[in-house]
Amino acid sequence: MSSAVSFTPKALFVTPAAIKKLKTLIEEEQNPDLFLRVYVTGGGCSGFQYGFGFAEEIQDDDTVIEEEGARFVLDALSYPYLLGSTLDYQEGLEGARFTLTNPNASSTCGCGSSFSI
């Protein structure tokens, strides 16, 4: 007789670079109550678009991911689209920005900020 193994997927993986950058930005704002809201909206060249923004209020249906004192929040509508994604912070020729690698996306556009399912 075998037993079933339960697995709950991680809502969002966050890289050390993203954690470091968020902590730096919060320090600069001098507001320890800030967190980074990561969300999905309709639009962009592929159908959905990623968004990032500072916020101070957490809603009842938000999912909070805390990593090394940095808080990242997903709203209930964005959660299924972002489940298992990796949030990173990159600096390069295109500038400095938060990026998402989303295993749920069937295709992305060249800018990397829009996707389709």
PDB file of N, CA and C in Angstrom:
ATOM      1  N   MET A   1       0.850  -1.178   0.000  1.00  0.00           N
ATOM      2  CA  MET A   1       0.000   0.000   0.000  1.00  0.00           C
ATOM      3  C   MET A   1       0.893   1.237   0.000  1.00  0.00           C
ATOM      4  N   SER A   2       0.688   2.099  -0.961  1.00  0.00           N
ATOM      5  CA  SER A   2       1.492   3.317  -1.026  1.00  0.00           C
ATOM      6  C   SER A   2       0.686   4.493  -0.489  1.00  0.00           C
ATOM      7  N   SER A   3       1.413   5.484  -0.045  1.00  0.00           N
ATOM      8  CA  SER A   3       0.728   6.669   0.475  1.00  0.00           C
ATOM      9  C   SER A   3       0.934   7.820  -0.498  1.00  0.00           C
ATOM     10  N   ALA A   4      -0.073   8.639  -0.587  1.00  0.00           N
ATOM     11  CA  ALA A   4       0.002   9.798  -1.479  1.00  0.00           C
ATOM     12  C   ALA A   4       0.858  10.873  -0.821  1.00  0.00           C
ATOM     13  N   VAL A   5       1.607  11.572  -1.649  1.00  0.00           N
ATOM     14  CA  VAL A   5       2.431  12.667  -1.161  1.00  0.00           C
ATOM     15  C   VAL A   5       1.775  13.970  -1.584  1.00  0.00           C
ATOM     16  N   SER A   6       1.548  14.820  -0.636  1.00  0.00           N
ATOM     17  CA  SER A   6       0.940  16.109  -0.922  1.00  0.00           C
ATOM     18  C   SER A   6       2.018  17.126  -1.268  1.00  0.00           C
ATOM     19  N   PHE A   7       1.751  17.930  -2.286  1.00  0.00           N
ATOM     20  CA  PHE A   7       2.714  18.943  -2.709  1.00  0.00           C
ATOM     21  C   PHE A   7       1.973  20.246  -2.954  1.00  0.00           C
ATOM     22  N   THR A   8       2.397  21.284  -2.287  1.00  0.00           N
ATOM     23  CA  THR A   8       1.837  22.609  -2.517  1.00  0.00           C
ATOM     24  C   THR A   8       2.881  23.427  -3.254  1.00  0.00           C
ATOM     25  N   PRO A   9       2.567  23.859  -4.482  1.00  0.00           N
ATOM     26  CA  PRO A   9       3.560  24.625  -5.239  1.00  0.00           C
ATOM     27  C   PRO A   9       3.858  25.960  -4.571  1.00  0.00           C
ATOM     28  N   LYS A  10       5.073  26.410  -4.713  1.00  0.00           N
ATOM     29  CA  LYS A  10       5.469  27.701  -4.147  1.00  0.00           C
ATOM     30  C   LYS A  10       4.853  28.801  -5.007  1.00  0.00           C
ATOM     31  N   ALA A  11       4.268  29.776  -4.345  1.00  0.00           N
ATOM     32  CA  ALA A  11       3.584  30.853  -5.058  1.00  0.00           C
ATOM     33  C   ALA A  11       4.550  31.650  -5.922  1.00  0.00           C
ATOM     34  N   LEU A  12       5.714  31.978  -5.381  1.00  0.00           N
ATOM     35  CA  LEU A  12       6.660  32.820  -6.105  1.00  0.00           C
ATOM     36  C   LEU A  12       8.058  32.558  -5.563  1.00  0.00           C
ATOM     37  N   PHE A  13       8.983  32.261  -6.456  1.00  0.00           N
ATOM     38  CA  PHE A  13      10.384  32.142  -6.081  1.00  0.00           C
ATOM     39  C   PHE A  13      11.016  33.521  -6.255  1.00  0.00           C
ATOM     40  N   VAL A  14      11.824  33.938  -5.303  1.00  0.00           N
ATOM     41  CA  VAL A  14      12.438  35.265  -5.363  1.00  0.00           C
ATOM     42  C   VAL A  14      13.949  35.101  -5.277  1.00  0.00           C
ATOM     43  N   THR A  15      14.662  35.689  -6.233  1.00  0.00           N
ATOM     44  CA  THR A  15      16.122  35.566  -6.267  1.00  0.00           C
ATOM     45  C   THR A  15      16.757  36.504  -5.234  1.00  0.00           C
ATOM     46  N   PRO A  16      17.987  36.208  -4.836  1.00  0.00           N
ATOM     47  CA  PRO A  16      18.706  37.106  -3.924  1.00  0.00           C
ATOM     48  C   PRO A  16      18.830  38.531  -4.478  1.00  0.00           C
ATOM     49  N   ALA A  17      18.990  38.674  -5.801  1.00  0.00           N
ATOM     50  CA  ALA A  17      19.102  40.009  -6.391  1.00  0.00           C
ATOM     51  C   ALA A  17      17.814  40.810  -6.208  1.00  0.00           C
ATOM     52  N   ALA A  18      16.656  40.160  -6.353  1.00  0.00           N
ATOM     53  CA  ALA A  18      15.367  40.840  -6.168  1.00  0.00           C
ATOM     54  C   ALA A  18      15.169  41.230  -4.706  1.00  0.00           C
ATOM     55  N   ILE A  19      15.559  40.350  -3.798  1.00  0.00           N
ATOM     56  CA  ILE A  19      15.443  40.645  -2.363  1.00  0.00           C
ATOM     57  C   ILE A  19      16.319  41.838  -2.011  1.00  0.00           C
ATOM     58  N   LYS A  20      17.550  41.807  -2.470  1.00  0.00           N
ATOM     59  CA  LYS A  20      18.501  42.889  -2.171  1.00  0.00           C
ATOM     60  C   LYS A  20      17.996  44.224  -2.705  1.00  0.00           C
ATOM     61  N   LYS A  21      17.500  44.227  -3.950  1.00  0.00           N
ATOM     62  CA  LYS A  21      17.034  45.478  -4.554  1.00  0.00           C
ATOM     63  C   LYS A  21      15.813  46.022  -3.817  1.00  0.00           C
ATOM     64  N   LEU A  22      14.873  45.158  -3.481  1.00  0.00           N
ATOM     65  CA  LEU A  22      13.693  45.625  -2.757  1.00  0.00           C
ATOM     66  C   LEU A  22      14.079  46.212  -1.408  1.00  0.00           C
ATOM     67  N   LYS A  23      14.975  45.551  -0.698  1.00  0.00           N
ATOM     68  CA  LYS A  23      15.418  46.071   0.600  1.00  0.00           C
ATOM     69  C   LYS A  23      16.095  47.435   0.448  1.00  0.00           C
ATOM     70  N   THR A  24      16.887  47.604  -0.608  1.00  0.00           N
ATOM     71  CA  THR A  24      17.547  48.881  -0.877  1.00  0.00           C
ATOM     72  C   THR A  24      16.517  49.975  -1.168  1.00  0.00           C
ATOM     73  N   LEU A  25      15.532  49.666  -1.997  1.00  0.00           N
ATOM     74  CA  LEU A  25      14.497  50.637  -2.336  1.00  0.00           C
ATOM     75  C   LEU A  25      13.681  51.045  -1.107  1.00  0.00           C
ATOM     76  N   ILE A  26      13.353  50.083  -0.261  1.00  0.00           N
ATOM     77  CA  ILE A  26      12.596  50.383   0.957  1.00  0.00           C
ATOM     78  C   ILE A  26      13.420  51.252   1.896  1.00  0.00           C
ATOM     79  N   GLU A  27      14.715  50.961   1.998  1.00  0.00           N
ATOM     80  CA  GLU A  27      15.611  51.787   2.807  1.00  0.00           C
ATOM     81  C   GLU A  27      15.636  53.223   2.302  1.00  0.00           C
ATOM     82  N   GLU A  28      15.731  53.378   0.983  1.00  0.00           N
ATOM     83  CA  GLU A  28      15.761  54.712   0.383  1.00  0.00           C
ATOM     84  C   GLU A  28      14.467  55.478   0.649  1.00  0.00           C
ATOM     85  N   GLU A  29      13.334  54.766   0.655  1.00  0.00           N
ATOM     86  CA  GLU A  29      12.041  55.397   0.916  1.00  0.00           C
ATOM     87  C   GLU A  29      11.832  55.659   2.415  1.00  0.00           C
ATOM     88  N   GLN A  30      12.649  55.036   3.240  1.00  0.00           N
ATOM     89  CA  GLN A  30      12.560  55.163   4.703  1.00  0.00           C
ATOM     90  C   GLN A  30      11.172  54.792   5.219  1.00  0.00           C
ATOM     91  N   ASN A  31      10.619  53.718   4.653  1.00  0.00           N
ATOM     92  CA  ASN A  31       9.302  53.255   5.069  1.00  0.00           C
ATOM     93  C   ASN A  31       9.311  51.730   5.149  1.00  0.00           C
ATOM     94  N   PRO A  32       9.533  51.179   6.338  1.00  0.00           N
ATOM     95  CA  PRO A  32       9.617  49.725   6.488  1.00  0.00           C
ATOM     96  C   PRO A  32       8.295  48.991   6.251  1.00  0.00           C
ATOM     97  N   ASP A  33       7.183  49.724   6.103  1.00  0.00           N
ATOM     98  CA  ASP A  33       5.888  49.100   5.846  1.00  0.00           C
ATOM     99  C   ASP A  33       5.658  48.786   4.369  1.00  0.00           C
ATOM    100  N   LEU A  34       6.544  49.246   3.507  1.00  0.00           N
ATOM    101  CA  LEU A  34       6.377  49.011   2.070  1.00  0.00           C
ATOM    102  C   LEU A  34       6.668  47.564   1.704  1.00  0.00           C
ATOM    103  N   PHE A  35       5.988  47.118   0.654  1.00  0.00           N
ATOM    104  CA  PHE A  35       6.273  45.818   0.052  1.00  0.00           C
ATOM    105  C   PHE A  35       6.108  45.972  -1.449  1.00  0.00           C
ATOM    106  N   LEU A  36       6.539  44.973  -2.201  1.00  0.00           N
ATOM    107  CA  LEU A  36       6.404  45.011  -3.649  1.00  0.00           C
ATOM    108  C   LEU A  36       5.215  44.158  -4.060  1.00  0.00           C
ATOM    109  N   ARG A  37       4.243  44.799  -4.690  1.00  0.00           N
ATOM    110  CA  ARG A  37       3.093  44.078  -5.227  1.00  0.00           C
ATOM    111  C   ARG A  37       3.448  43.650  -6.651  1.00  0.00           C
ATOM    112  N   VAL A  38       3.318  42.355  -6.918  1.00  0.00           N
ATOM    113  CA  VAL A  38       3.588  41.775  -8.235  1.00  0.00           C
ATOM    114  C   VAL A  38       2.225  41.330  -8.768  1.00  0.00           C
ATOM    115  N   TYR A  39       1.865  41.784  -9.979  1.00  0.00           N
ATOM    116  CA  TYR A  39       0.526  41.497 -10.466  1.00  0.00           C
ATOM    117  C   TYR A  39       0.504  41.312 -11.984  1.00  0.00           C
ATOM    118  N   VAL A  40      -0.644  40.861 -12.457  1.00  0.00           N
ATOM    119  CA  VAL A  40      -0.883  40.638 -13.869  1.00  0.00           C
ATOM    120  C   VAL A  40      -2.096  41.468 -14.266  1.00  0.00           C
ATOM    121  N   THR A  41      -2.011  42.131 -15.414  1.00  0.00           N
ATOM    122  CA  THR A  41      -3.152  42.858 -15.961  1.00  0.00           C
ATOM    123  C   THR A  41      -3.349  42.438 -17.410  1.00  0.00           C
ATOM    124  N   GLY A  42      -4.521  42.694 -17.936  1.00  0.00           N
ATOM    125  CA  GLY A  42      -4.771  42.438 -19.348  1.00  0.00           C
ATOM    126  C   GLY A  42      -4.047  43.486 -20.176  1.00  0.00           C
ATOM    127  N   GLY A  43      -3.584  43.095 -21.351  1.00  0.00           N
ATOM    128  CA  GLY A  43      -2.923  44.053 -22.237  1.00  0.00           C
ATOM    129  C   GLY A  43      -1.562  43.572 -22.663  1.00  0.00           C
ATOM    130  N   GLY A  44      -0.789  44.469 -23.204  1.00  0.00           N
ATOM    131  CA  GLY A  44       0.526  44.087 -23.714  1.00  0.00           C
ATOM    132  C   GLY A  44       0.371  43.392 -25.050  1.00  0.00           C
ATOM    133  N   CYS A  45       1.453  43.152 -25.725  1.00  0.00           N
ATOM    134  CA  CYS A  45       1.386  42.574 -27.067  1.00  0.00           C
ATOM    135  C   CYS A  45       1.052  41.085 -27.057  1.00  0.00           C
ATOM    136  N   SER A  46       1.102  40.419 -25.907  1.00  0.00           N
ATOM    137  CA  SER A  46       0.800  38.989 -25.868  1.00  0.00           C
ATOM    138  C   SER A  46      -0.479  38.648 -25.103  1.00  0.00           C
ATOM    139  N   GLY A  47      -1.187  39.634 -24.599  1.00  0.00           N
ATOM    140  CA  GLY A  47      -2.460  39.365 -23.924  1.00  0.00           C
ATOM    141  C   GLY A  47      -2.477  39.708 -22.449  1.00  0.00           C
ATOM    142  N   PHE A  48      -1.402  39.416 -21.738  1.00  0.00           N
ATOM    143  CA  PHE A  48      -1.276  39.749 -20.322  1.00  0.00           C
ATOM    144  C   PHE A  48       0.021  40.517 -20.114  1.00  0.00           C
ATOM    145  N   GLN A  49       0.036  41.323 -19.079  1.00  0.00           N
ATOM    146  CA  GLN A  49       1.205  42.138 -18.799  1.00  0.00           C
ATOM    147  C   GLN A  49       1.546  42.044 -17.315  1.00  0.00           C
ATOM    148  N   TYR A  50       2.843  42.005 -16.996  1.00  0.00           N
ATOM    149  CA  TYR A  50       3.291  42.008 -15.608  1.00  0.00           C
ATOM    150  C   TYR A  50       3.337  43.439 -15.092  1.00  0.00           C
ATOM    151  N   GLY A  51       3.068  43.575 -13.799  1.00  0.00           N
ATOM    152  CA  GLY A  51       3.172  44.882 -13.170  1.00  0.00           C
ATOM    153  C   GLY A  51       3.838  44.758 -11.814  1.00  0.00           C
ATOM    154  N   PHE A  52       4.493  45.834 -11.395  1.00  0.00           N
ATOM    155  CA  PHE A  52       5.177  45.890 -10.109  1.00  0.00           C
ATOM    156  C   PHE A  52       4.895  47.257  -9.498  1.00  0.00           C
ATOM    157  N   GLY A  53       4.658  47.298  -8.208  1.00  0.00           N
ATOM    158  CA  GLY A  53       4.446  48.583  -7.562  1.00  0.00           C
ATOM    159  C   GLY A  53       4.580  48.485  -6.059  1.00  0.00           C
ATOM    160  N   PHE A  54       4.994  49.582  -5.462  1.00  0.00           N
ATOM    161  CA  PHE A  54       5.043  49.649  -4.001  1.00  0.00           C
ATOM    162  C   PHE A  54       3.633  49.762  -3.454  1.00  0.00           C
ATOM    163  N   ALA A  55       3.396  49.184  -2.311  1.00  0.00           N
ATOM    164  CA  ALA A  55       2.115  49.305  -1.623  1.00  0.00           C
ATOM    165  C   ALA A  55       2.359  49.170  -0.125  1.00  0.00           C
ATOM    166  N   GLU A  56       1.366  49.582   0.639  1.00  0.00           N
ATOM    167  CA  GLU A  56       1.448  49.482   2.102  1.00  0.00           C
ATOM    168  C   GLU A  56       0.291  48.687   2.686  1.00  0.00           C
ATOM    169  N   GLU A  57      -0.753  48.453   1.893  1.00  0.00           N
ATOM    170  CA  GLU A  57      -1.934  47.756   2.399  1.00  0.00           C
ATOM    171  C   GLU A  57      -2.039  46.366   1.791  1.00  0.00           C
ATOM    172  N   ILE A  58      -2.287  45.399   2.650  1.00  0.00           N
ATOM    173  CA  ILE A  58      -2.471  44.015   2.221  1.00  0.00           C
ATOM    174  C   ILE A  58      -3.958  43.699   2.310  1.00  0.00           C
ATOM    175  N   GLN A  59      -4.505  43.160   1.223  1.00  0.00           N
ATOM    176  CA  GLN A  59      -5.922  42.788   1.181  1.00  0.00           C
ATOM    177  C   GLN A  59      -6.103  41.386   1.767  1.00  0.00           C
ATOM    178  N   ASP A  60      -7.327  41.073   2.166  1.00  0.00           N
ATOM    179  CA  ASP A  60      -7.629  39.780   2.787  1.00  0.00           C
ATOM    180  C   ASP A  60      -7.281  38.595   1.903  1.00  0.00           C
ATOM    181  N   ASP A  61      -7.429  38.746   0.579  1.00  0.00           N
ATOM    182  CA  ASP A  61      -7.181  37.615  -0.309  1.00  0.00           C
ATOM    183  C   ASP A  61      -5.798  37.651  -0.968  1.00  0.00           C
ATOM    184  N   ASP A  62      -4.910  38.522  -0.492  1.00  0.00           N
ATOM    185  CA  ASP A  62      -3.536  38.576  -0.998  1.00  0.00           C
ATOM    186  C   ASP A  62      -2.713  37.411  -0.465  1.00  0.00           C
ATOM    187  N   THR A  63      -1.715  37.019  -1.225  1.00  0.00           N
ATOM    188  CA  THR A  63      -0.717  36.042  -0.779  1.00  0.00           C
ATOM    189  C   THR A  63       0.572  36.803  -0.522  1.00  0.00           C
ATOM    190  N   VAL A  64       1.104  36.665   0.688  1.00  0.00           N
ATOM    191  CA  VAL A  64       2.326  37.376   1.066  1.00  0.00           C
ATOM    192  C   VAL A  64       3.484  36.388   1.075  1.00  0.00           C
ATOM    193  N   ILE A  65       4.552  36.747   0.383  1.00  0.00           N
ATOM    194  CA  ILE A  65       5.778  35.949   0.371  1.00  0.00           C
ATOM    195  C   ILE A  65       6.835  36.793   1.059  1.00  0.00           C
ATOM    196  N   GLU A  66       7.377  36.279   2.161  1.00  0.00           N
ATOM    197  CA  GLU A  66       8.413  37.022   2.875  1.00  0.00           C
ATOM    198  C   GLU A  66       9.727  36.266   2.761  1.00  0.00           C
ATOM    199  N   GLU A  67      10.729  36.968   2.270  1.00  0.00           N
ATOM    200  CA  GLU A  67      12.061  36.389   2.093  1.00  0.00           C
ATOM    201  C   GLU A  67      13.086  37.336   2.699  1.00  0.00           C
ATOM    202  N   GLU A  68      13.759  36.883   3.727  1.00  0.00           N
ATOM    203  CA  GLU A  68      14.835  37.662   4.365  1.00  0.00           C
ATOM    204  C   GLU A  68      14.401  39.080   4.735  1.00  0.00           C
ATOM    205  N   GLY A  69      13.166  39.200   5.210  1.00  0.00           N
ATOM    206  CA  GLY A  69      12.664  40.499   5.643  1.00  0.00           C
ATOM    207  C   GLY A  69      12.057  41.349   4.550  1.00  0.00           C
ATOM    208  N   ALA A  70      12.111  40.905   3.304  1.00  0.00           N
ATOM    209  CA  ALA A  70      11.486  41.625   2.195  1.00  0.00           C
ATOM    210  C   ALA A  70      10.148  40.949   1.885  1.00  0.00           C
ATOM    211  N   ARG A  71       9.105  41.768   1.692  1.00  0.00           N
ATOM    212  CA  ARG A  71       7.776  41.212   1.430  1.00  0.00           C
ATOM    213  C   ARG A  71       7.344  41.483  -0.010  1.00  0.00           C
ATOM    214  N   PHE A  72       6.816  40.423  -0.625  1.00  0.00           N
ATOM    215  CA  PHE A  72       6.293  40.454  -1.977  1.00  0.00           C
ATOM    216  C   PHE A  72       4.860  39.962  -1.896  1.00  0.00           C
ATOM    217  N   VAL A  73       3.945  40.607  -2.603  1.00  0.00           N
ATOM    218  CA  VAL A  73       2.530  40.273  -2.470  1.00  0.00           C
ATOM    219  C   VAL A  73       1.910  40.025  -3.837  1.00  0.00           C
ATOM    220  N   LEU A  74       1.086  38.972  -3.917  1.00  0.00           N
ATOM    221  CA  LEU A  74       0.323  38.644  -5.117  1.00  0.00           C
ATOM    222  C   LEU A  74      -1.149  38.776  -4.784  1.00  0.00           C
ATOM    223  N   ASP A  75      -1.924  39.447  -5.649  1.00  0.00           N
ATOM    224  CA  ASP A  75      -3.363  39.508  -5.421  1.00  0.00           C
ATOM    225  C   ASP A  75      -4.000  38.204  -5.897  1.00  0.00           C
ATOM    226  N   ALA A  76      -5.235  37.968  -5.485  1.00  0.00           N
ATOM    227  CA  ALA A  76      -5.909  36.697  -5.769  1.00  0.00           C
ATOM    228  C   ALA A  76      -6.103  36.453  -7.265  1.00  0.00           C
ATOM    229  N   LEU A  77      -6.333  37.503  -8.054  1.00  0.00           N
ATOM    230  CA  LEU A  77      -6.533  37.315  -9.490  1.00  0.00           C
ATOM    231  C   LEU A  77      -5.228  36.971 -10.204  1.00  0.00           C
ATOM    232  N   SER A  78      -4.121  37.540  -9.744  1.00  0.00           N
ATOM    233  CA  SER A  78      -2.821  37.303 -10.384  1.00  0.00           C
ATOM    234  C   SER A  78      -2.195  35.979  -9.959  1.00  0.00           C
ATOM    235  N   TYR A  79      -2.535  35.502  -8.781  1.00  0.00           N
ATOM    236  CA  TYR A  79      -1.916  34.310  -8.191  1.00  0.00           C
ATOM    237  C   TYR A  79      -1.847  33.123  -9.160  1.00  0.00           C
ATOM    238  N   PRO A  80      -2.973  32.701  -9.774  1.00  0.00           N
ATOM    239  CA  PRO A  80      -2.869  31.512 -10.645  1.00  0.00           C
ATOM    240  C   PRO A  80      -1.979  31.722 -11.872  1.00  0.00           C
ATOM    241  N   TYR A  81      -1.884  32.947 -12.351  1.00  0.00           N
ATOM    242  CA  TYR A  81      -1.043  33.232 -13.516  1.00  0.00           C
ATOM    243  C   TYR A  81       0.446  33.264 -13.156  1.00  0.00           C
ATOM    244  N   LEU A  82       0.742  33.575 -11.893  1.00  0.00           N
ATOM    245  CA  LEU A  82       2.136  33.727 -11.461  1.00  0.00           C
ATOM    246  C   LEU A  82       2.659  32.544 -10.658  1.00  0.00           C
ATOM    247  N   LEU A  83       1.809  31.594 -10.339  1.00  0.00           N
ATOM    248  CA  LEU A  83       2.179  30.449  -9.514  1.00  0.00           C
ATOM    249  C   LEU A  83       3.424  29.758 -10.055  1.00  0.00           C
ATOM    250  N   GLY A  84       4.460  29.654  -9.221  1.00  0.00           N
ATOM    251  CA  GLY A  84       5.696  28.984  -9.607  1.00  0.00           C
ATOM    252  C   GLY A  84       6.675  29.861 -10.369  1.00  0.00           C
ATOM    253  N   SER A  85       6.339  31.130 -10.569  1.00  0.00           N
ATOM    254  CA  SER A  85       7.230  32.043 -11.297  1.00  0.00           C
ATOM    255  C   SER A  85       8.424  32.438 -10.445  1.00  0.00           C
ATOM    256  N   THR A  86       9.462  32.915 -11.104  1.00  0.00           N
ATOM    257  CA  THR A  86      10.657  33.399 -10.421  1.00  0.00           C
ATOM    258  C   THR A  86      10.796  34.892 -10.663  1.00  0.00           C
ATOM    259  N   LEU A  87      10.863  35.647  -9.572  1.00  0.00           N
ATOM    260  CA  LEU A  87      11.065  37.089  -9.639  1.00  0.00           C
ATOM    261  C   LEU A  87      12.544  37.372  -9.474  1.00  0.00           C
ATOM    262  N   ASP A  88      13.089  38.172 -10.378  1.00  0.00           N
ATOM    263  CA  ASP A  88      14.508  38.512 -10.352  1.00  0.00           C
ATOM    264  C   ASP A  88      14.643  40.020 -10.551  1.00  0.00           C
ATOM    265  N   TYR A  89      15.831  40.523 -10.278  1.00  0.00           N
ATOM    266  CA  TYR A  89      16.161  41.912 -10.580  1.00  0.00           C
ATOM    267  C   TYR A  89      17.404  41.880 -11.439  1.00  0.00           C
ATOM    268  N   GLN A  90      17.339  42.538 -12.594  1.00  0.00           N
ATOM    269  CA  GLN A  90      18.454  42.500 -13.528  1.00  0.00           C
ATOM    270  C   GLN A  90      18.854  43.909 -13.943  1.00  0.00           C
ATOM    271  N   GLU A  91      20.144  44.079 -14.131  1.00  0.00           N
ATOM    272  CA  GLU A  91      20.679  45.318 -14.673  1.00  0.00           C
ATOM    273  C   GLU A  91      21.447  44.950 -15.927  1.00  0.00           C
ATOM    274  N   GLY A  92      21.117  45.626 -17.031  1.00  0.00           N
ATOM    275  CA  GLY A  92      21.773  45.306 -18.293  1.00  0.00           C
ATOM    276  C   GLY A  92      21.597  46.423 -19.288  1.00  0.00           C
ATOM    277  N   LEU A  93      21.776  46.100 -20.550  1.00  0.00           N
ATOM    278  CA  LEU A  93      21.674  47.094 -21.609  1.00  0.00           C
ATOM    279  C   LEU A  93      20.279  47.709 -21.704  1.00  0.00           C
ATOM    280  N   GLU A  94      19.252  46.927 -21.346  1.00  0.00           N
ATOM    281  CA  GLU A  94      17.882  47.434 -21.394  1.00  0.00           C
ATOM    282  C   GLU A  94      17.539  48.268 -20.167  1.00  0.00           C
ATOM    283  N   GLY A  95      18.461  48.410 -19.247  1.00  0.00           N
ATOM    284  CA  GLY A  95      18.206  49.152 -18.009  1.00  0.00           C
ATOM    285  C   GLY A  95      18.087  48.205 -16.834  1.00  0.00           C
ATOM    286  N   ALA A  96      17.686  48.743 -15.722  1.00  0.00           N
ATOM    287  CA  ALA A  96      17.530  47.954 -14.506  1.00  0.00           C
ATOM    288  C   ALA A  96      16.042  47.744 -14.257  1.00  0.00           C
ATOM    289  N   ARG A  97      15.660  46.492 -13.940  1.00  0.00           N
ATOM    290  CA  ARG A  97      14.241  46.209 -13.740  1.00  0.00           C
ATOM    291  C   ARG A  97      14.015  44.868 -13.068  1.00  0.00           C
ATOM    292  N   PHE A  98      12.843  44.752 -12.451  1.00  0.00           N
ATOM    293  CA  PHE A  98      12.395  43.465 -11.953  1.00  0.00           C
ATOM    294  C   PHE A  98      11.892  42.673 -13.157  1.00  0.00           C
ATOM    295  N   THR A  99      12.160  41.370 -13.172  1.00  0.00           N
ATOM    296  CA  THR A  99      11.706  40.505 -14.257  1.00  0.00           C
ATOM    297  C   THR A  99      11.054  39.254 -13.681  1.00  0.00           C
ATOM    298  N   LEU A 100      10.194  38.640 -14.471  1.00  0.00           N
ATOM    299  CA  LEU A 100       9.549  37.393 -14.072  1.00  0.00           C
ATOM    300  C   LEU A 100       9.834  36.318 -15.115  1.00  0.00           C
ATOM    301  N   THR A 101      10.168  35.140 -14.643  1.00  0.00           N
ATOM    302  CA  THR A 101      10.248  33.960 -15.486  1.00  0.00           C
ATOM    303  C   THR A 101       9.046  33.113 -15.091  1.00  0.00           C
ATOM    304  N   ASN A 102       8.128  32.959 -16.027  1.00  0.00           N
ATOM    305  CA  ASN A 102       6.840  32.352 -15.712  1.00  0.00           C
ATOM    306  C   ASN A 102       6.674  31.023 -16.437  1.00  0.00           C
ATOM    307  N   PRO A 103       6.631  29.906 -15.685  1.00  0.00           N
ATOM    308  CA  PRO A 103       6.474  28.599 -16.322  1.00  0.00           C
ATOM    309  C   PRO A 103       5.069  28.397 -16.900  1.00  0.00           C
ATOM    310  N   ASN A 104       4.112  29.256 -16.529  1.00  0.00           N
ATOM    311  CA  ASN A 104       2.740  29.139 -17.019  1.00  0.00           C
ATOM    312  C   ASN A 104       2.540  29.814 -18.375  1.00  0.00           C
ATOM    313  N   ALA A 105       3.488  30.649 -18.786  1.00  0.00           N
ATOM    314  CA  ALA A 105       3.357  31.386 -20.039  1.00  0.00           C
ATOM    315  C   ALA A 105       3.651  30.475 -21.221  1.00  0.00           C
ATOM    316  N   SER A 106       2.743  30.460 -22.199  1.00  0.00           N
ATOM    317  CA  SER A 106       2.981  29.655 -23.394  1.00  0.00           C
ATOM    318  C   SER A 106       3.822  30.420 -24.403  1.00  0.00           C
ATOM    319  N   SER A 107       3.771  31.753 -24.326  1.00  0.00           N
ATOM    320  CA  SER A 107       4.627  32.579 -25.179  1.00  0.00           C
ATOM    321  C   SER A 107       4.811  33.940 -24.525  1.00  0.00           C
ATOM    322  N   THR A 108       5.899  34.600 -24.865  1.00  0.00           N
ATOM    323  CA  THR A 108       6.180  35.936 -24.357  1.00  0.00           C
ATOM    324  C   THR A 108       6.544  36.830 -25.526  1.00  0.00           C
ATOM    325  N   CYS A 109       6.562  38.120 -25.278  1.00  0.00           N
ATOM    326  CA  CYS A 109       6.966  39.039 -26.337  1.00  0.00           C
ATOM    327  C   CYS A 109       8.441  39.380 -26.156  1.00  0.00           C
ATOM    328  N   GLY A 110       8.979  40.120 -27.074  1.00  0.00           N
ATOM    329  CA  GLY A 110      10.401  40.474 -27.038  1.00  0.00           C
ATOM    330  C   GLY A 110      10.787  41.304 -25.835  1.00  0.00           C
ATOM    331  N   CYS A 111       9.865  42.131 -25.313  1.00  0.00           N
ATOM    332  CA  CYS A 111      10.215  42.994 -24.182  1.00  0.00           C
ATOM    333  C   CYS A 111      10.254  42.220 -22.880  1.00  0.00           C
ATOM    334  N   GLY A 112       9.625  41.034 -22.838  1.00  0.00           N
ATOM    335  CA  GLY A 112       9.645  40.223 -21.631  1.00  0.00           C
ATOM    336  C   GLY A 112       8.656  40.641 -20.567  1.00  0.00           C
ATOM    337  N   SER A 113       7.833  41.659 -20.841  1.00  0.00           N
ATOM    338  CA  SER A 113       6.885  42.095 -19.824  1.00  0.00           C
ATOM    339  C   SER A 113       5.455  41.712 -20.171  1.00  0.00           C
ATOM    340  N   SER A 114       5.253  41.019 -21.283  1.00  0.00           N
ATOM    341  CA  SER A 114       3.908  40.537 -21.589  1.00  0.00           C
ATOM    342  C   SER A 114       3.981  39.070 -21.998  1.00  0.00           C
ATOM    343  N   PHE A 115       2.856  38.368 -21.805  1.00  0.00           N
ATOM    344  CA  PHE A 115       2.854  36.919 -22.051  1.00  0.00           C
ATOM    345  C   PHE A 115       1.443  36.451 -22.387  1.00  0.00           C
ATOM    346  N   SER A 116       1.339  35.219 -22.851  1.00  0.00           N
ATOM    347  CA  SER A 116       0.036  34.589 -23.062  1.00  0.00           C
ATOM    348  C   SER A 116       0.062  33.218 -22.411  1.00  0.00           C
ATOM    349  N   ILE A 117      -1.117  32.715 -22.130  1.00  0.00           N
ATOM    350  CA  ILE A 117      -1.263  31.416 -21.461  1.00  0.00           C
ATOM    351  C   ILE A 117      -1.756  30.401 -22.487  1.00  0.00           C
TER     352      ILE A 117
END
